[in-house]
N, C-alpha and C. Protein backbone atom coordinates (compact mmCIF):
# COMPACT_ATOMS: atom_id res chain seq x y z
N UNK A 1 -78.49 122.53 145.91
CA UNK A 1 -77.83 121.55 146.51
C UNK A 1 -76.94 122.19 147.73
N UNK A 2 -76.64 121.40 148.71
CA UNK A 2 -75.72 121.81 149.89
C UNK A 2 -74.35 121.13 149.46
N UNK A 3 -73.29 121.77 149.88
CA UNK A 3 -71.95 121.36 149.74
C UNK A 3 -71.18 121.72 150.91
N UNK A 4 -70.74 120.73 151.63
CA UNK A 4 -69.71 120.96 152.81
C UNK A 4 -68.37 120.85 152.43
N UNK A 5 -67.55 121.81 152.75
CA UNK A 5 -66.26 121.93 152.33
C UNK A 5 -65.22 121.96 153.64
N UNK A 6 -64.47 120.92 153.72
CA UNK A 6 -63.37 121.01 154.84
C UNK A 6 -62.28 121.77 154.30
N UNK A 7 -61.71 122.73 155.05
CA UNK A 7 -60.53 123.56 154.76
C UNK A 7 -59.54 123.18 155.86
N UNK A 8 -58.63 122.50 155.38
CA UNK A 8 -57.53 122.15 156.45
C UNK A 8 -56.29 123.01 156.18
N UNK A 9 -55.86 123.70 157.25
CA UNK A 9 -54.66 124.61 157.12
C UNK A 9 -53.46 123.84 156.71
N UNK A 10 -52.60 124.48 155.91
CA UNK A 10 -51.17 123.91 155.75
C UNK A 10 -50.37 124.26 156.97
N UNK A 11 -50.24 123.11 157.80
CA UNK A 11 -49.58 123.35 159.18
C UNK A 11 -48.01 123.61 159.13
N UNK A 12 -47.49 123.71 157.91
CA UNK A 12 -46.10 124.06 157.72
C UNK A 12 -45.95 125.55 157.73
N UNK A 13 -47.01 126.30 157.66
CA UNK A 13 -46.94 127.64 157.62
C UNK A 13 -47.62 128.20 158.76
N UNK A 14 -47.00 129.49 159.30
CA UNK A 14 -47.72 130.03 160.44
C UNK A 14 -48.88 130.89 159.97
N UNK A 15 -49.67 131.37 160.92
CA UNK A 15 -50.94 132.15 160.50
C UNK A 15 -50.63 133.49 159.76
N UNK A 16 -49.44 134.04 159.99
CA UNK A 16 -49.24 135.31 159.25
C UNK A 16 -48.87 134.89 157.69
N UNK A 17 -48.18 133.89 157.59
CA UNK A 17 -47.96 133.30 156.27
C UNK A 17 -49.23 133.04 155.46
N UNK A 18 -49.97 132.11 156.22
CA UNK A 18 -51.45 131.86 155.62
C UNK A 18 -52.29 133.08 155.27
N UNK A 19 -52.31 134.01 156.28
CA UNK A 19 -53.26 135.23 155.96
C UNK A 19 -52.59 135.92 154.76
N UNK A 20 -51.17 136.08 154.67
CA UNK A 20 -50.62 136.77 153.50
C UNK A 20 -51.07 136.14 152.23
N UNK A 21 -51.03 134.85 152.19
CA UNK A 21 -51.39 134.10 150.93
C UNK A 21 -52.83 134.31 150.59
N UNK A 22 -53.76 134.22 151.67
CA UNK A 22 -55.09 134.61 151.41
C UNK A 22 -55.46 135.82 150.96
N UNK A 23 -54.67 136.91 151.59
CA UNK A 23 -54.82 138.31 151.09
C UNK A 23 -54.36 138.40 149.57
N UNK A 24 -53.21 137.73 149.29
CA UNK A 24 -52.74 137.91 147.87
C UNK A 24 -53.75 137.24 146.93
N UNK A 25 -54.43 136.23 147.34
CA UNK A 25 -55.45 135.59 146.36
C UNK A 25 -56.84 136.30 146.50
N UNK A 26 -57.08 137.25 147.30
CA UNK A 26 -58.30 137.97 147.56
C UNK A 26 -59.29 136.96 147.92
N UNK A 27 -58.90 136.08 148.74
CA UNK A 27 -59.74 134.91 149.39
C UNK A 27 -61.01 135.48 149.99
N UNK A 28 -60.98 136.52 150.77
CA UNK A 28 -62.15 136.87 151.52
C UNK A 28 -63.29 137.76 150.79
N UNK A 29 -62.88 138.05 149.54
CA UNK A 29 -63.76 138.69 148.63
C UNK A 29 -64.17 137.73 147.48
N UNK A 30 -63.29 136.70 147.16
CA UNK A 30 -63.58 135.83 146.13
C UNK A 30 -64.22 134.47 146.44
N UNK A 31 -64.18 134.06 147.66
CA UNK A 31 -64.81 132.75 148.05
C UNK A 31 -65.91 133.04 149.05
N UNK A 32 -67.07 132.40 148.90
CA UNK A 32 -67.39 131.75 147.72
C UNK A 32 -67.89 132.49 146.49
N UNK A 33 -67.91 131.97 145.39
CA UNK A 33 -68.31 132.70 144.19
C UNK A 33 -69.69 133.21 144.17
N UNK A 34 -70.11 134.09 143.39
CA UNK A 34 -71.34 134.53 143.32
C UNK A 34 -72.40 133.46 143.04
N UNK A 35 -73.55 133.61 143.51
CA UNK A 35 -74.51 132.55 143.29
C UNK A 35 -74.55 131.45 144.33
N UNK A 36 -73.59 131.59 145.35
CA UNK A 36 -73.51 130.58 146.39
C UNK A 36 -73.64 131.31 147.66
N UNK A 37 -74.53 130.55 148.67
CA UNK A 37 -74.91 131.29 149.84
C UNK A 37 -74.20 130.51 150.93
N UNK A 38 -73.50 131.15 151.93
CA UNK A 38 -72.82 130.57 153.04
C UNK A 38 -73.91 130.17 154.09
N UNK A 39 -74.20 128.79 154.34
CA UNK A 39 -75.15 128.46 155.30
C UNK A 39 -74.61 128.39 156.61
N UNK A 40 -73.32 127.93 156.65
CA UNK A 40 -72.53 128.04 157.94
C UNK A 40 -71.07 128.00 157.63
N UNK A 41 -70.30 128.59 158.46
CA UNK A 41 -68.68 128.44 158.37
C UNK A 41 -68.16 128.52 159.82
N UNK A 42 -67.74 127.37 160.22
CA UNK A 42 -67.26 127.19 161.53
C UNK A 42 -65.80 126.69 161.60
N UNK A 43 -65.17 127.00 162.64
CA UNK A 43 -63.84 126.40 162.97
C UNK A 43 -64.00 125.19 163.97
N UNK A 44 -63.55 124.03 163.51
CA UNK A 44 -63.49 122.82 164.24
C UNK A 44 -62.05 122.65 164.61
N UNK A 45 -61.76 122.79 166.01
CA UNK A 45 -60.36 122.83 166.40
C UNK A 45 -59.82 121.23 166.24
N UNK A 46 -58.68 121.15 165.61
CA UNK A 46 -58.18 119.98 165.15
C UNK A 46 -58.45 119.53 163.87
N UNK A 47 -59.38 120.14 163.22
CA UNK A 47 -59.90 119.84 161.85
C UNK A 47 -59.47 120.99 160.94
N UNK A 48 -60.11 122.18 161.21
CA UNK A 48 -59.95 123.39 160.38
C UNK A 48 -61.21 123.97 160.21
N UNK A 49 -61.42 124.75 159.10
CA UNK A 49 -62.68 125.39 158.80
C UNK A 49 -63.59 124.61 158.06
N UNK A 50 -64.89 124.42 158.49
CA UNK A 50 -65.87 123.72 157.72
C UNK A 50 -66.90 124.62 157.23
N UNK A 51 -67.06 124.65 155.88
CA UNK A 51 -67.88 125.65 155.31
C UNK A 51 -69.04 124.72 154.45
N UNK A 52 -70.28 125.35 154.75
CA UNK A 52 -71.46 124.60 154.18
C UNK A 52 -72.11 125.64 153.27
N UNK A 53 -72.10 125.38 151.93
CA UNK A 53 -72.64 126.33 150.86
C UNK A 53 -74.06 125.84 150.38
N UNK A 54 -74.93 126.65 150.07
CA UNK A 54 -76.13 126.24 149.32
C UNK A 54 -75.92 126.95 147.84
N UNK A 55 -76.20 126.08 146.88
CA UNK A 55 -75.77 126.59 145.61
C UNK A 55 -76.62 125.69 144.48
N UNK A 56 -76.77 126.35 143.50
CA UNK A 56 -77.35 125.64 142.22
C UNK A 56 -76.34 124.65 141.81
N UNK A 57 -76.78 123.37 141.29
CA UNK A 57 -75.78 122.54 140.78
C UNK A 57 -74.89 123.10 139.71
N UNK A 58 -75.42 123.89 139.00
CA UNK A 58 -74.60 124.58 137.80
C UNK A 58 -73.44 125.24 138.43
N UNK A 59 -73.40 125.64 139.67
CA UNK A 59 -72.33 126.54 140.23
C UNK A 59 -71.33 125.68 140.92
N UNK A 60 -71.36 124.38 140.83
CA UNK A 60 -70.54 123.55 141.53
C UNK A 60 -68.87 123.67 140.87
N UNK A 61 -68.87 123.79 139.61
CA UNK A 61 -67.54 123.90 138.94
C UNK A 61 -67.04 125.27 139.37
N UNK A 62 -67.80 126.34 139.52
CA UNK A 62 -67.23 127.61 139.99
C UNK A 62 -66.68 127.56 141.24
N UNK A 63 -67.38 126.71 142.24
CA UNK A 63 -66.81 126.63 143.59
C UNK A 63 -65.45 125.95 143.49
N UNK A 64 -65.35 124.90 142.60
CA UNK A 64 -64.04 124.11 142.49
C UNK A 64 -62.94 125.16 141.95
N UNK A 65 -63.22 125.86 140.94
CA UNK A 65 -62.37 126.85 140.26
C UNK A 65 -61.86 127.73 141.38
N UNK A 66 -62.80 128.39 142.04
CA UNK A 66 -62.34 129.38 143.09
C UNK A 66 -61.37 128.87 144.11
N UNK A 67 -61.88 127.64 144.59
CA UNK A 67 -60.93 126.93 145.69
C UNK A 67 -59.46 126.78 144.91
N UNK A 68 -59.49 126.15 143.77
CA UNK A 68 -58.29 126.03 143.22
C UNK A 68 -57.41 127.21 142.97
N UNK A 69 -58.09 128.47 142.63
CA UNK A 69 -57.47 129.70 142.31
C UNK A 69 -57.00 130.40 143.67
N UNK A 70 -57.83 130.25 144.67
CA UNK A 70 -57.61 131.21 145.86
C UNK A 70 -57.17 130.44 147.11
N UNK A 71 -57.27 129.16 147.26
CA UNK A 71 -57.07 128.33 148.44
C UNK A 71 -55.74 127.55 148.24
N UNK A 72 -55.28 127.37 147.07
CA UNK A 72 -54.10 126.48 146.72
C UNK A 72 -52.95 126.87 147.55
N UNK A 73 -52.18 126.01 148.28
CA UNK A 73 -51.18 126.35 149.11
C UNK A 73 -51.44 126.76 150.49
N UNK A 74 -52.69 126.96 150.85
CA UNK A 74 -53.13 127.45 152.17
C UNK A 74 -53.89 126.37 152.71
N UNK A 75 -54.86 125.79 151.97
CA UNK A 75 -55.56 124.70 152.57
C UNK A 75 -55.66 123.46 151.75
N UNK A 76 -55.74 122.30 152.36
CA UNK A 76 -56.21 121.09 151.62
C UNK A 76 -57.68 120.99 151.75
N UNK A 77 -58.38 120.38 150.84
CA UNK A 77 -59.78 120.52 150.78
C UNK A 77 -60.40 119.11 150.68
N UNK A 78 -61.51 119.01 151.17
CA UNK A 78 -62.46 117.83 151.16
C UNK A 78 -63.87 118.30 150.79
N UNK A 79 -64.52 117.66 149.99
CA UNK A 79 -65.85 118.19 149.63
C UNK A 79 -66.85 116.99 149.76
N UNK A 80 -68.12 117.47 150.40
CA UNK A 80 -69.11 116.46 150.65
C UNK A 80 -70.40 116.94 150.35
N UNK A 81 -71.08 116.46 149.23
CA UNK A 81 -72.43 116.94 148.96
C UNK A 81 -73.24 116.49 150.14
N UNK A 82 -74.24 117.40 150.65
CA UNK A 82 -74.90 117.15 151.85
C UNK A 82 -76.35 117.63 151.64
N UNK A 83 -77.31 117.19 152.77
CA UNK A 83 -78.48 117.72 152.55
C UNK A 83 -79.04 117.86 153.95
N UNK A 84 -80.10 118.60 154.12
CA UNK A 84 -80.70 118.97 155.48
C UNK A 84 -81.45 117.62 155.87
N UNK A 85 -80.99 117.01 156.86
CA UNK A 85 -81.60 115.79 157.45
C UNK A 85 -82.77 116.06 158.54
N UNK A 86 -82.77 117.46 159.05
CA UNK A 86 -83.82 117.56 160.01
C UNK A 86 -85.16 117.28 159.49
N UNK A 87 -85.73 117.56 158.42
CA UNK A 87 -87.06 117.24 158.08
C UNK A 87 -87.15 115.71 157.83
N UNK A 88 -86.13 115.07 157.51
CA UNK A 88 -86.26 113.59 157.30
C UNK A 88 -86.28 112.93 158.74
N UNK A 89 -85.52 113.47 159.62
CA UNK A 89 -85.48 112.94 160.92
C UNK A 89 -86.85 113.29 161.60
N UNK A 90 -87.46 114.31 161.49
CA UNK A 90 -88.75 114.56 161.88
C UNK A 90 -89.83 113.68 161.54
N UNK A 91 -89.80 113.36 160.19
CA UNK A 91 -90.69 112.54 159.57
C UNK A 91 -90.48 110.99 160.10
N UNK A 92 -89.34 110.61 160.30
CA UNK A 92 -88.88 109.33 160.81
C UNK A 92 -89.32 109.13 162.30
N UNK A 93 -89.23 110.30 163.08
CA UNK A 93 -89.68 110.16 164.39
C UNK A 93 -91.21 109.95 164.49
N UNK A 94 -92.05 110.75 163.60
CA UNK A 94 -93.40 110.74 163.54
C UNK A 94 -93.85 109.15 163.23
N UNK A 95 -93.14 108.76 162.18
CA UNK A 95 -93.47 107.25 161.80
C UNK A 95 -93.13 106.26 162.81
N UNK A 96 -91.99 106.53 163.51
CA UNK A 96 -91.72 105.49 164.65
C UNK A 96 -92.70 105.57 165.72
N UNK A 97 -93.04 106.85 166.08
CA UNK A 97 -94.19 107.08 167.04
C UNK A 97 -95.53 106.28 166.75
N UNK A 98 -95.82 106.51 165.30
CA UNK A 98 -97.00 105.79 164.86
C UNK A 98 -96.92 104.33 165.06
N UNK A 99 -95.82 103.80 164.61
CA UNK A 99 -95.62 102.25 164.73
C UNK A 99 -95.75 101.84 166.25
N UNK A 100 -95.10 102.44 167.18
CA UNK A 100 -95.05 102.18 168.59
C UNK A 100 -96.44 102.19 169.10
N UNK A 101 -97.23 103.28 168.67
CA UNK A 101 -98.71 103.49 169.24
C UNK A 101 -99.54 102.32 168.67
N UNK A 102 -99.22 101.81 167.39
CA UNK A 102 -100.09 100.76 166.86
C UNK A 102 -99.70 99.65 167.76
N UNK A 103 -98.46 99.23 168.05
CA UNK A 103 -98.08 98.06 168.59
C UNK A 103 -98.55 98.08 170.09
N UNK A 104 -98.69 98.99 170.69
CA UNK A 104 -99.13 99.22 172.14
C UNK A 104 -100.70 99.24 172.35
N UNK A 105 -101.35 99.28 171.13
CA UNK A 105 -102.87 99.41 171.12
C UNK A 105 -103.44 98.01 171.36
């Protein structure tokens, strides 16, 4: 499965405080947990960090636990199960093209 996680910084703390808490929690080594692949990790200004992970469904609880253990007090989090829409979009485009060709014939 794919899981997109929004990490919104606690804006009551400055970056030095946030980085200190992340260091204390071993964030950079402990997240994501083993068995999870980082598909993308971007910063969206005004939003925060957006992380998309690929993981087996059985690892979902481990992701949740690691966020609770390591991100608490630094980020608020939002989770969105996601999937790759590109193949679906390509199929829908082909189907649309076929329908349009049939109408114009």
